Structures are given as C-alpha cells and as structure tokens.
C-alpha cells in the first residue's frame, strides 16, 4: 500500500482528485483521523475537512494519478 499526505483547498481540487481516482482500477481511500472515504466518491471526499492534511492510501500504480497527488502533496 502506498500512502501520501495531501491538502485540498477548494471544490475544484476535490473534483480533480475524484476524477483522477475514478480512472484507476485499484482501490483508493482518503482519510483524516478515523474518517475513511472512497476517493472515487465526490460526496465522500466533500465530507472531509479541507483545512486538515488528508492521507491518500492506494494499492496500485498509475502515473497520472501520482502526478496529480504530487500537485497537492504536503512537503
């Protein structure tokens, strides 16, 4: 499993995450504390607190998805 820390700041960021995740054939979860949502669900992602760092956990490789994560990565 791969894990990355990201920060989303607006609705467009969430839409981009869900769009990129939906193109992947593997499971992708986004979580903060005990709340875990499917990254392919716009309602799930929108329910998260964008003021906090989010963790993305995924079990496959996709260069387009990982490039998108790089843009939102917390350094």
C-alpha atoms as a PDB file:
ATOM      1  CA  UNK A   1       0.000   0.000   0.000  1.00  0.00           C
ATOM      2  CA  UNK A   2       1.178   3.475  -0.862  1.00  0.00           C
ATOM      3  CA  UNK A   3       0.386   6.477   1.354  1.00  0.00           C
ATOM      4  CA  UNK A   4       0.626  10.175   0.569  1.00  0.00           C
ATOM      5  CA  UNK A   5      -0.248  13.280   2.576  1.00  0.00           C
ATOM      6  CA  UNK A   6      -2.161  15.931   0.622  1.00  0.00           C
ATOM      7  CA  UNK A   7      -4.054  19.133   1.248  1.00  0.00           C
ATOM      8  CA  UNK A   8      -7.109  20.160  -0.759  1.00  0.00           C
ATOM      9  CA  UNK A   9      -8.191  23.780  -0.614  1.00  0.00           C
ATOM     10  CA  UNK A  10     -11.232  24.131  -2.850  1.00  0.00           C
ATOM     11  CA  UNK A  11     -14.027  22.276  -4.624  1.00  0.00           C
ATOM     12  CA  UNK A  12     -12.068  22.068  -7.873  1.00  0.00           C
ATOM     13  CA  UNK A  13      -9.248  20.217  -6.072  1.00  0.00           C
ATOM     14  CA  UNK A  14     -11.733  17.629  -4.783  1.00  0.00           C
ATOM     15  CA  UNK A  15     -13.227  17.208  -8.264  1.00  0.00           C
ATOM     16  CA  UNK A  16      -9.763  16.676  -9.732  1.00  0.00           C
ATOM     17  CA  UNK A  17      -8.914  14.058  -7.097  1.00  0.00           C
ATOM     18  CA  UNK A  18     -12.156  12.140  -7.694  1.00  0.00           C
ATOM     19  CA  UNK A  19     -11.762  12.334 -11.466  1.00  0.00           C
ATOM     20  CA  UNK A  20      -8.197  11.003 -11.369  1.00  0.00           C
ATOM     21  CA  UNK A  21      -9.103   8.296  -8.834  1.00  0.00           C
ATOM     22  CA  UNK A  22     -12.056   7.156 -10.952  1.00  0.00           C
ATOM     23  CA  UNK A  23      -9.713   6.354 -13.829  1.00  0.00           C
ATOM     24  CA  UNK A  24      -7.725   3.905 -11.686  1.00  0.00           C
ATOM     25  CA  UNK A  25      -8.573   0.204 -11.478  1.00  0.00           C
ATOM     26  CA  UNK A  26      -7.397  -0.159  -7.863  1.00  0.00           C
ATOM     27  CA  UNK A  27      -8.960   0.965  -4.566  1.00  0.00           C
ATOM     28  CA  UNK A  28      -8.113   4.422  -3.264  1.00  0.00           C
ATOM     29  CA  UNK A  29      -9.098   5.704   0.169  1.00  0.00           C
ATOM     30  CA  UNK A  30      -8.801   9.176   1.624  1.00  0.00           C
ATOM     31  CA  UNK A  31      -8.852   9.629   5.359  1.00  0.00           C
ATOM     32  CA  UNK A  32      -8.418  12.010   8.222  1.00  0.00           C
ATOM     33  CA  UNK A  33      -8.291  10.592  11.760  1.00  0.00           C
ATOM     34  CA  UNK A  34     -10.964   7.858  11.868  1.00  0.00           C
ATOM     35  CA  UNK A  35     -12.995   9.006   8.861  1.00  0.00           C
ATOM     36  CA  UNK A  36     -12.257   6.943   5.742  1.00  0.00           C
ATOM     37  CA  UNK A  37     -13.925   7.613   2.380  1.00  0.00           C
ATOM     38  CA  UNK A  38     -13.647   6.185  -1.105  1.00  0.00           C
ATOM     39  CA  UNK A  39     -11.625   8.608  -3.243  1.00  0.00           C
ATOM     40  CA  UNK A  40     -13.906   7.805  -6.199  1.00  0.00           C
ATOM     41  CA  UNK A  41     -16.910   9.302  -4.360  1.00  0.00           C
ATOM     42  CA  UNK A  42     -17.360  13.056  -4.714  1.00  0.00           C
ATOM     43  CA  UNK A  43     -19.796  13.128  -1.773  1.00  0.00           C
ATOM     44  CA  UNK A  44     -17.342  11.213   0.388  1.00  0.00           C
ATOM     45  CA  UNK A  45     -14.420  13.488  -0.464  1.00  0.00           C
ATOM     46  CA  UNK A  46     -16.546  16.607   0.019  1.00  0.00           C
ATOM     47  CA  UNK A  47     -17.446  15.422   3.527  1.00  0.00           C
ATOM     48  CA  UNK A  48     -13.808  15.697   4.647  1.00  0.00           C
ATOM     49  CA  UNK A  49     -12.318  18.730   6.392  1.00  0.00           C
ATOM     50  CA  UNK A  50     -10.166  20.521   3.789  1.00  0.00           C
ATOM     51  CA  UNK A  51      -8.443  22.594   6.482  1.00  0.00           C
ATOM     52  CA  UNK A  52      -6.600  19.469   7.676  1.00  0.00           C
ATOM     53  CA  UNK A  53      -3.984  17.302   5.956  1.00  0.00           C
ATOM     54  CA  UNK A  54      -5.551  14.247   4.316  1.00  0.00           C
ATOM     55  CA  UNK A  55      -3.949  10.853   3.780  1.00  0.00           C
ATOM     56  CA  UNK A  56      -4.449   9.035   0.486  1.00  0.00           C
ATOM     57  CA  UNK A  57      -3.864   5.286   0.544  1.00  0.00           C
ATOM     58  CA  UNK A  58      -3.832   3.292  -2.677  1.00  0.00           C
ATOM     59  CA  UNK A  59      -2.780  -0.180  -3.740  1.00  0.00           C
ATOM     60  CA  UNK A  60      -1.679   0.226  -7.343  1.00  0.00           C
ATOM     61  CA  UNK A  61       0.414   2.345  -9.664  1.00  0.00           C
ATOM     62  CA  UNK A  62      -0.846   4.980 -12.090  1.00  0.00           C
ATOM     63  CA  UNK A  63       1.489   7.733 -13.235  1.00  0.00           C
ATOM     64  CA  UNK A  64      -1.328  10.203 -13.967  1.00  0.00           C
ATOM     65  CA  UNK A  65      -2.859   9.730 -10.527  1.00  0.00           C
ATOM     66  CA  UNK A  66       0.505  10.008  -8.775  1.00  0.00           C
ATOM     67  CA  UNK A  67       1.346  13.160 -10.749  1.00  0.00           C
ATOM     68  CA  UNK A  68      -1.947  14.696  -9.592  1.00  0.00           C
ATOM     69  CA  UNK A  69      -1.084  13.752  -5.977  1.00  0.00           C
ATOM     70  CA  UNK A  70       2.288  15.496  -6.388  1.00  0.00           C
ATOM     71  CA  UNK A  71       0.451  18.786  -7.009  1.00  0.00           C
ATOM     72  CA  UNK A  72      -1.424  18.520  -3.700  1.00  0.00           C
ATOM     73  CA  UNK A  73       1.385  16.901  -1.673  1.00  0.00           C
ATOM     74  CA  UNK A  74       2.382  18.342   1.661  1.00  0.00           C
ATOM     75  CA  UNK A  75       6.123  18.891   1.702  1.00  0.00           C
END
